[in-house]
Amino acid sequence: MKDLLVMILKQIVNYPDEIEVEEQVDENDPTFVKFLINANNEDRGIIIGKKGHTIAALRDVLSIKAVRENKKVRLEIVD
């Protein structure tokens, strides 16, 4: 899932080399995965998108992938 997220993010931002995604697995529930996105300040607006449509679409794609892998996923942008 992380590779898919990184691939998509690098295609939509202006500074793809500055994209970092950290994957955190919950110790109490190993089926729960949180992805923390760290990007250039200019790219954060692109990732969120107008009215949050882009980040919502990314969450939808990850949710579909997570269901196939019997996992739960959360996506956050780090300041």
PDB file of N, CA and C in Angstrom:
ATOM      1  N   MET A   1       0.814  -1.189   0.000  1.00  0.00           N
ATOM      2  CA  MET A   1       0.000   0.000   0.000  1.00  0.00           C
ATOM      3  C   MET A   1       0.862   1.259   0.000  1.00  0.00           C
ATOM      4  N   LYS A   2       1.916   1.227   0.771  1.00  0.00           N
ATOM      5  CA  LYS A   2       2.794   2.394   0.845  1.00  0.00           C
ATOM      6  C   LYS A   2       3.373   2.723  -0.529  1.00  0.00           C
ATOM      7  N   ASP A   3       3.799   1.697  -1.260  1.00  0.00           N
ATOM      8  CA  ASP A   3       4.373   1.922  -2.587  1.00  0.00           C
ATOM      9  C   ASP A   3       3.358   2.563  -3.529  1.00  0.00           C
ATOM     10  N   LEU A   4       2.116   2.113  -3.460  1.00  0.00           N
ATOM     11  CA  LEU A   4       1.053   2.680  -4.287  1.00  0.00           C
ATOM     12  C   LEU A   4       0.851   4.152  -3.946  1.00  0.00           C
ATOM     13  N   LEU A   5       0.790   4.471  -2.660  1.00  0.00           N
ATOM     14  CA  LEU A   5       0.600   5.847  -2.223  1.00  0.00           C
ATOM     15  C   LEU A   5       1.748   6.746  -2.679  1.00  0.00           C
ATOM     16  N   VAL A   6       2.974   6.285  -2.501  1.00  0.00           N
ATOM     17  CA  VAL A   6       4.145   7.069  -2.912  1.00  0.00           C
ATOM     18  C   VAL A   6       4.123   7.297  -4.423  1.00  0.00           C
ATOM     19  N   MET A   7       3.802   6.270  -5.179  1.00  0.00           N
ATOM     20  CA  MET A   7       3.769   6.393  -6.636  1.00  0.00           C
ATOM     21  C   MET A   7       2.745   7.450  -7.070  1.00  0.00           C
ATOM     22  N   ILE A   8       1.565   7.421  -6.486  1.00  0.00           N
ATOM     23  CA  ILE A   8       0.528   8.386  -6.841  1.00  0.00           C
ATOM     24  C   ILE A   8       0.953   9.798  -6.444  1.00  0.00           C
ATOM     25  N   LEU A   9       1.457   9.943  -5.233  1.00  0.00           N
ATOM     26  CA  LEU A   9       1.860  11.265  -4.758  1.00  0.00           C
ATOM     27  C   LEU A   9       2.950  11.872  -5.626  1.00  0.00           C
ATOM     28  N   LYS A  10       3.928  11.081  -6.005  1.00  0.00           N
ATOM     29  CA  LYS A  10       5.026  11.604  -6.823  1.00  0.00           C
ATOM     30  C   LYS A  10       4.569  12.050  -8.200  1.00  0.00           C
ATOM     31  N   GLN A  11       3.452  11.526  -8.666  1.00  0.00           N
ATOM     32  CA  GLN A  11       2.923  11.912  -9.969  1.00  0.00           C
ATOM     33  C   GLN A  11       2.152  13.231  -9.926  1.00  0.00           C
ATOM     34  N   ILE A  12       1.623  13.607  -8.761  1.00  0.00           N
ATOM     35  CA  ILE A  12       0.757  14.786  -8.718  1.00  0.00           C
ATOM     36  C   ILE A  12       1.433  16.031  -8.138  1.00  0.00           C
ATOM     37  N   VAL A  13       2.600  15.894  -7.496  1.00  0.00           N
ATOM     38  CA  VAL A  13       3.238  17.046  -6.849  1.00  0.00           C
ATOM     39  C   VAL A  13       4.299  17.687  -7.734  1.00  0.00           C
ATOM     40  N   ASN A  14       4.718  18.884  -7.342  1.00  0.00           N
ATOM     41  CA  ASN A  14       5.760  19.603  -8.075  1.00  0.00           C
ATOM     42  C   ASN A  14       7.164  19.202  -7.636  1.00  0.00           C
ATOM     43  N   TYR A  15       7.312  18.740  -6.402  1.00  0.00           N
ATOM     44  CA  TYR A  15       8.613  18.346  -5.856  1.00  0.00           C
ATOM     45  C   TYR A  15       8.565  16.881  -5.401  1.00  0.00           C
ATOM     46  N   PRO A  16       8.588  15.949  -6.353  1.00  0.00           N
ATOM     47  CA  PRO A  16       8.432  14.532  -6.002  1.00  0.00           C
ATOM     48  C   PRO A  16       9.569  13.968  -5.141  1.00  0.00           C
ATOM     49  N   ASP A  17      10.751  14.561  -5.222  1.00  0.00           N
ATOM     50  CA  ASP A  17      11.867  14.052  -4.428  1.00  0.00           C
ATOM     51  C   ASP A  17      11.713  14.350  -2.938  1.00  0.00           C
ATOM     52  N   GLU A  18      10.829  15.273  -2.592  1.00  0.00           N
ATOM     53  CA  GLU A  18      10.637  15.640  -1.194  1.00  0.00           C
ATOM     54  C   GLU A  18       9.480  14.884  -0.530  1.00  0.00           C
ATOM     55  N   ILE A  19       8.869  13.975  -1.244  1.00  0.00           N
ATOM     56  CA  ILE A  19       7.767  13.180  -0.681  1.00  0.00           C
ATOM     57  C   ILE A  19       8.333  12.101   0.232  1.00  0.00           C
ATOM     58  N   GLU A  20       7.831  12.060   1.459  1.00  0.00           N
ATOM     59  CA  GLU A  20       8.187  11.004   2.410  1.00  0.00           C
ATOM     60  C   GLU A  20       6.896  10.462   3.007  1.00  0.00           C
ATOM     61  N   VAL A  21       6.780   9.151   3.049  1.00  0.00           N
ATOM     62  CA  VAL A  21       5.602   8.520   3.627  1.00  0.00           C
ATOM     63  C   VAL A  21       6.075   7.553   4.709  1.00  0.00           C
ATOM     64  N   GLU A  22       5.567   7.783   5.916  1.00  0.00           N
ATOM     65  CA  GLU A  22       5.903   6.904   7.040  1.00  0.00           C
ATOM     66  C   GLU A  22       4.701   5.998   7.314  1.00  0.00           C
ATOM     67  N   GLU A  23       4.969   4.723   7.446  1.00  0.00           N
ATOM     68  CA  GLU A  23       3.921   3.739   7.717  1.00  0.00           C
ATOM     69  C   GLU A  23       3.998   3.325   9.177  1.00  0.00           C
ATOM     70  N   GLN A  24       2.899   3.481   9.908  1.00  0.00           N
ATOM     71  CA  GLN A  24       2.848   3.095  11.317  1.00  0.00           C
ATOM     72  C   GLN A  24       1.763   2.043  11.504  1.00  0.00           C
ATOM     73  N   VAL A  25       2.159   0.906  12.048  1.00  0.00           N
ATOM     74  CA  VAL A  25       1.211  -0.171  12.323  1.00  0.00           C
ATOM     75  C   VAL A  25       0.868  -0.123  13.806  1.00  0.00           C
ATOM     76  N   ASP A  26      -0.408  -0.148  14.118  1.00  0.00           N
ATOM     77  CA  ASP A  26      -0.866  -0.102  15.504  1.00  0.00           C
ATOM     78  C   ASP A  26      -0.444  -1.382  16.228  1.00  0.00           C
ATOM     79  N   GLU A  27       0.181  -1.227  17.391  1.00  0.00           N
ATOM     80  CA  GLU A  27       0.646  -2.387  18.157  1.00  0.00           C
ATOM     81  C   GLU A  27      -0.510  -3.218  18.691  1.00  0.00           C
ATOM     82  N   ASN A  28      -1.610  -2.566  19.064  1.00  0.00           N
ATOM     83  CA  ASN A  28      -2.762  -3.272  19.625  1.00  0.00           C
ATOM     84  C   ASN A  28      -3.629  -3.921  18.552  1.00  0.00           C
ATOM     85  N   ASP A  29      -3.608  -3.357  17.344  1.00  0.00           N
ATOM     86  CA  ASP A  29      -4.406  -3.875  16.240  1.00  0.00           C
ATOM     87  C   ASP A  29      -3.546  -3.881  14.974  1.00  0.00           C
ATOM     88  N   PRO A  30      -2.865  -4.996  14.696  1.00  0.00           N
ATOM     89  CA  PRO A  30      -1.955  -5.027  13.545  1.00  0.00           C
ATOM     90  C   PRO A  30      -2.646  -4.863  12.188  1.00  0.00           C
ATOM     91  N   THR A  31      -3.979  -4.885  12.162  1.00  0.00           N
ATOM     92  CA  THR A  31      -4.674  -4.663  10.892  1.00  0.00           C
ATOM     93  C   THR A  31      -4.877  -3.182  10.611  1.00  0.00           C
ATOM     94  N   PHE A  32      -4.558  -2.311  11.595  1.00  0.00           N
ATOM     95  CA  PHE A  32      -4.720  -0.874  11.428  1.00  0.00           C
ATOM     96  C   PHE A  32      -3.383  -0.248  11.047  1.00  0.00           C
ATOM     97  N   VAL A  33      -3.361   0.460   9.907  1.00  0.00           N
ATOM     98  CA  VAL A  33      -2.137   1.086   9.411  1.00  0.00           C
ATOM     99  C   VAL A  33      -2.401   2.577   9.205  1.00  0.00           C
ATOM    100  N   LYS A  34      -1.463   3.403   9.689  1.00  0.00           N
ATOM    101  CA  LYS A  34      -1.555   4.846   9.495  1.00  0.00           C
ATOM    102  C   LYS A  34      -0.387   5.285   8.622  1.00  0.00           C
ATOM    103  N   PHE A  35      -0.699   6.087   7.593  1.00  0.00           N
ATOM    104  CA  PHE A  35       0.327   6.635   6.713  1.00  0.00           C
ATOM    105  C   PHE A  35       0.443   8.127   6.973  1.00  0.00           C
ATOM    106  N   LEU A  36       1.652   8.584   7.264  1.00  0.00           N
ATOM    107  CA  LEU A  36       1.927   9.994   7.495  1.00  0.00           C
ATOM    108  C   LEU A  36       2.684  10.539   6.293  1.00  0.00           C
ATOM    109  N   ILE A  37       2.125  11.536   5.634  1.00  0.00           N
ATOM    110  CA  ILE A  37       2.732  12.118   4.439  1.00  0.00           C
ATOM    111  C   ILE A  37       3.467  13.393   4.828  1.00  0.00           C
ATOM    112  N   ASN A  38       4.719  13.464   4.453  1.00  0.00           N
ATOM    113  CA  ASN A  38       5.510  14.671   4.647  1.00  0.00           C
ATOM    114  C   ASN A  38       5.909  15.159   3.260  1.00  0.00           C
ATOM    115  N   ALA A  39       5.555  16.409   2.938  1.00  0.00           N
ATOM    116  CA  ALA A  39       5.817  16.950   1.604  1.00  0.00           C
ATOM    117  C   ALA A  39       6.213  18.412   1.706  1.00  0.00           C
ATOM    118  N   ASN A  40       6.688  18.949   0.609  1.00  0.00           N
ATOM    119  CA  ASN A  40       7.019  20.364   0.500  1.00  0.00           C
ATOM    120  C   ASN A  40       5.759  21.181   0.798  1.00  0.00           C
ATOM    121  N   ASN A  41       5.942  22.354   1.416  1.00  0.00           N
ATOM    122  CA  ASN A  41       4.793  23.193   1.778  1.00  0.00           C
ATOM    123  C   ASN A  41       3.910  23.525   0.572  1.00  0.00           C
ATOM    124  N   GLU A  42       4.512  23.772  -0.580  1.00  0.00           N
ATOM    125  CA  GLU A  42       3.731  24.082  -1.777  1.00  0.00           C
ATOM    126  C   GLU A  42       2.919  22.877  -2.232  1.00  0.00           C
ATOM    127  N   ASP A  43       3.446  21.692  -2.022  1.00  0.00           N
ATOM    128  CA  ASP A  43       2.771  20.478  -2.480  1.00  0.00           C
ATOM    129  C   ASP A  43       1.626  20.053  -1.570  1.00  0.00           C
ATOM    130  N   ARG A  44       1.604  20.524  -0.344  1.00  0.00           N
ATOM    131  CA  ARG A  44       0.525  20.134   0.571  1.00  0.00           C
ATOM    132  C   ARG A  44      -0.832  20.555   0.033  1.00  0.00           C
ATOM    133  N   GLY A  45      -0.893  21.748  -0.540  1.00  0.00           N
ATOM    134  CA  GLY A  45      -2.150  22.208  -1.129  1.00  0.00           C
ATOM    135  C   GLY A  45      -2.583  21.348  -2.301  1.00  0.00           C
ATOM    136  N   ILE A  46      -1.615  20.893  -3.082  1.00  0.00           N
ATOM    137  CA  ILE A  46      -1.923  20.014  -4.217  1.00  0.00           C
ATOM    138  C   ILE A  46      -2.445  18.675  -3.710  1.00  0.00           C
ATOM    139  N   ILE A  47      -1.809  18.157  -2.670  1.00  0.00           N
ATOM    140  CA  ILE A  47      -2.220  16.860  -2.123  1.00  0.00           C
ATOM    141  C   ILE A  47      -3.627  16.950  -1.537  1.00  0.00           C
ATOM    142  N   ILE A  48      -3.934  18.038  -0.853  1.00  0.00           N
ATOM    143  CA  ILE A  48      -5.272  18.197  -0.276  1.00  0.00           C
ATOM    144  C   ILE A  48      -6.294  18.452  -1.380  1.00  0.00           C
ATOM    145  N   GLY A  49      -5.954  19.317  -2.314  1.00  0.00           N
ATOM    146  CA  GLY A  49      -6.849  19.595  -3.431  1.00  0.00           C
ATOM    147  C   GLY A  49      -7.961  20.556  -3.065  1.00  0.00           C
ATOM    148  N   LYS A  50      -8.666  20.996  -4.085  1.00  0.00           N
ATOM    149  CA  LYS A  50      -9.759  21.944  -3.883  1.00  0.00           C
ATOM    150  C   LYS A  50     -10.879  21.267  -3.104  1.00  0.00           C
ATOM    151  N   LYS A  51     -11.238  21.877  -1.982  1.00  0.00           N
ATOM    152  CA  LYS A  51     -12.271  21.346  -1.071  1.00  0.00           C
ATOM    153  C   LYS A  51     -11.938  19.945  -0.576  1.00  0.00           C
ATOM    154  N   GLY A  52     -10.660  19.557  -0.607  1.00  0.00           N
ATOM    155  CA  GLY A  52     -10.255  18.260  -0.083  1.00  0.00           C
ATOM    156  C   GLY A  52     -10.539  17.083  -0.999  1.00  0.00           C
ATOM    157  N   HIS A  53     -10.828  17.355  -2.255  1.00  0.00           N
ATOM    158  CA  HIS A  53     -11.187  16.274  -3.171  1.00  0.00           C
ATOM    159  C   HIS A  53     -10.029  15.322  -3.463  1.00  0.00           C
ATOM    160  N   THR A  54      -8.820  15.845  -3.581  1.00  0.00           N
ATOM    161  CA  THR A  54      -7.681  14.983  -3.915  1.00  0.00           C
ATOM    162  C   THR A  54      -7.348  14.045  -2.764  1.00  0.00           C
ATOM    163  N   ILE A  55      -7.273  14.579  -1.542  1.00  0.00           N
ATOM    164  CA  ILE A  55      -6.957  13.729  -0.393  1.00  0.00           C
ATOM    165  C   ILE A  55      -8.076  12.715  -0.172  1.00  0.00           C
ATOM    166  N   ALA A  56      -9.306  13.092  -0.442  1.00  0.00           N
ATOM    167  CA  ALA A  56     -10.430  12.153  -0.309  1.00  0.00           C
ATOM    168  C   ALA A  56     -10.294  11.017  -1.317  1.00  0.00           C
ATOM    169  N   ALA A  57      -9.888  11.346  -2.529  1.00  0.00           N
ATOM    170  CA  ALA A  57      -9.698  10.319  -3.557  1.00  0.00           C
ATOM    171  C   ALA A  57      -8.549   9.384  -3.168  1.00  0.00           C
ATOM    172  N   LEU A  58      -7.470   9.949  -2.620  1.00  0.00           N
ATOM    173  CA  LEU A  58      -6.354   9.105  -2.161  1.00  0.00           C
ATOM    174  C   LEU A  58      -6.820   8.167  -1.048  1.00  0.00           C
ATOM    175  N   ARG A  59      -7.619   8.685  -0.135  1.00  0.00           N
ATOM    176  CA  ARG A  59      -8.149   7.846   0.952  1.00  0.00           C
ATOM    177  C   ARG A  59      -9.036   6.733   0.394  1.00  0.00           C
ATOM    178  N   ASP A  60      -9.830   7.054  -0.627  1.00  0.00           N
ATOM    179  CA  ASP A  60     -10.686   6.045  -1.251  1.00  0.00           C
ATOM    180  C   ASP A  60      -9.864   4.927  -1.887  1.00  0.00           C
ATOM    181  N   VAL A  61      -8.812   5.309  -2.616  1.00  0.00           N
ATOM    182  CA  VAL A  61      -7.951   4.304  -3.264  1.00  0.00           C
ATOM    183  C   VAL A  61      -7.293   3.419  -2.216  1.00  0.00           C
ATOM    184  N   LEU A  62      -6.770   4.042  -1.148  1.00  0.00           N
ATOM    185  CA  LEU A  62      -6.133   3.250  -0.093  1.00  0.00           C
ATOM    186  C   LEU A  62      -7.139   2.364   0.635  1.00  0.00           C
ATOM    187  N   SER A  63      -8.345   2.858   0.818  1.00  0.00           N
ATOM    188  CA  SER A  63      -9.382   2.053   1.480  1.00  0.00           C
ATOM    189  C   SER A  63      -9.718   0.811   0.670  1.00  0.00           C
ATOM    190  N   ILE A  64      -9.799   0.972  -0.641  1.00  0.00           N
ATOM    191  CA  ILE A  64     -10.081  -0.177  -1.505  1.00  0.00           C
ATOM    192  C   ILE A  64      -8.963  -1.208  -1.398  1.00  0.00           C
ATOM    193  N   LYS A  65      -7.724  -0.732  -1.444  1.00  0.00           N
ATOM    194  CA  LYS A  65      -6.568  -1.628  -1.314  1.00  0.00           C
ATOM    195  C   LYS A  65      -6.560  -2.282   0.067  1.00  0.00           C
ATOM    196  N   ALA A  66      -6.911  -1.518   1.101  1.00  0.00           N
ATOM    197  CA  ALA A  66      -6.915  -2.046   2.466  1.00  0.00           C
ATOM    198  C   ALA A  66      -7.963  -3.146   2.631  1.00  0.00           C
ATOM    199  N   VAL A  67      -9.123  -2.973   2.038  1.00  0.00           N
ATOM    200  CA  VAL A  67     -10.175  -3.991   2.134  1.00  0.00           C
ATOM    201  C   VAL A  67      -9.698  -5.303   1.517  1.00  0.00           C
ATOM    202  N   ARG A  68      -9.006  -5.201   0.403  1.00  0.00           N
ATOM    203  CA  ARG A  68      -8.484  -6.402  -0.245  1.00  0.00           C
ATOM    204  C   ARG A  68      -7.451  -7.124   0.619  1.00  0.00           C
ATOM    205  N   GLU A  69      -6.764  -6.352   1.488  1.00  0.00           N
ATOM    206  CA  GLU A  69      -5.734  -6.937   2.350  1.00  0.00           C
ATOM    207  C   GLU A  69      -6.233  -7.145   3.783  1.00  0.00           C
ATOM    208  N   ASN A  70      -7.545  -6.992   4.003  1.00  0.00           N
ATOM    209  CA  ASN A  70      -8.150  -7.135   5.332  1.00  0.00           C
ATOM    210  C   ASN A  70      -7.495  -6.218   6.363  1.00  0.00           C
ATOM    211  N   LYS A  71      -7.333  -4.958   5.996  1.00  0.00           N
ATOM    212  CA  LYS A  71      -6.729  -3.969   6.881  1.00  0.00           C
ATOM    213  C   LYS A  71      -7.599  -2.731   6.943  1.00  0.00           C
ATOM    214  N   LYS A  72      -7.292  -1.884   7.930  1.00  0.00           N
ATOM    215  CA  LYS A  72      -7.919  -0.571   8.052  1.00  0.00           C
ATOM    216  C   LYS A  72      -6.806   0.450   7.879  1.00  0.00           C
ATOM    217  N   VAL A  73      -7.111   1.549   7.223  1.00  0.00           N
ATOM    218  CA  VAL A  73      -6.067   2.508   6.900  1.00  0.00           C
ATOM    219  C   VAL A  73      -6.508   3.932   7.241  1.00  0.00           C
ATOM    220  N   ARG A  74      -5.523   4.738   7.616  1.00  0.00           N
ATOM    221  CA  ARG A  74      -5.741   6.160   7.874  1.00  0.00           C
ATOM    222  C   ARG A  74      -4.620   6.932   7.191  1.00  0.00           C
ATOM    223  N   LEU A  75      -4.963   8.071   6.624  1.00  0.00           N
ATOM    224  CA  LEU A  75      -4.005   8.884   5.874  1.00  0.00           C
ATOM    225  C   LEU A  75      -3.977  10.284   6.472  1.00  0.00           C
ATOM    226  N   GLU A  76      -2.759  10.767   6.804  1.00  0.00           N
ATOM    227  CA  GLU A  76      -2.614  12.098   7.388  1.00  0.00           C
ATOM    228  C   GLU A  76      -1.458  12.826   6.744  1.00  0.00           C
ATOM    229  N   ILE A  77      -1.584  14.153   6.664  1.00  0.00           N
ATOM    230  CA  ILE A  77      -0.494  14.999   6.185  1.00  0.00           C
ATOM    231  C   ILE A  77       0.158  15.630   7.401  1.00  0.00           C
ATOM    232  N   VAL A  78       1.483  15.486   7.508  1.00  0.00           N
ATOM    233  CA  VAL A  78       2.232  16.006   8.648  1.00  0.00           C
ATOM    234  C   VAL A  78       2.632  17.444   8.366  1.00  0.00           C
ATOM    235  N   ASP A  79       2.473  18.315   9.369  1.00  0.00           N
ATOM    236  CA  ASP A  79       2.885  19.713   9.228  1.00  0.00           C
ATOM    237  C   ASP A  79       4.368  19.872   9.471  1.00  0.00           C
TER     238      ASP A  79
END
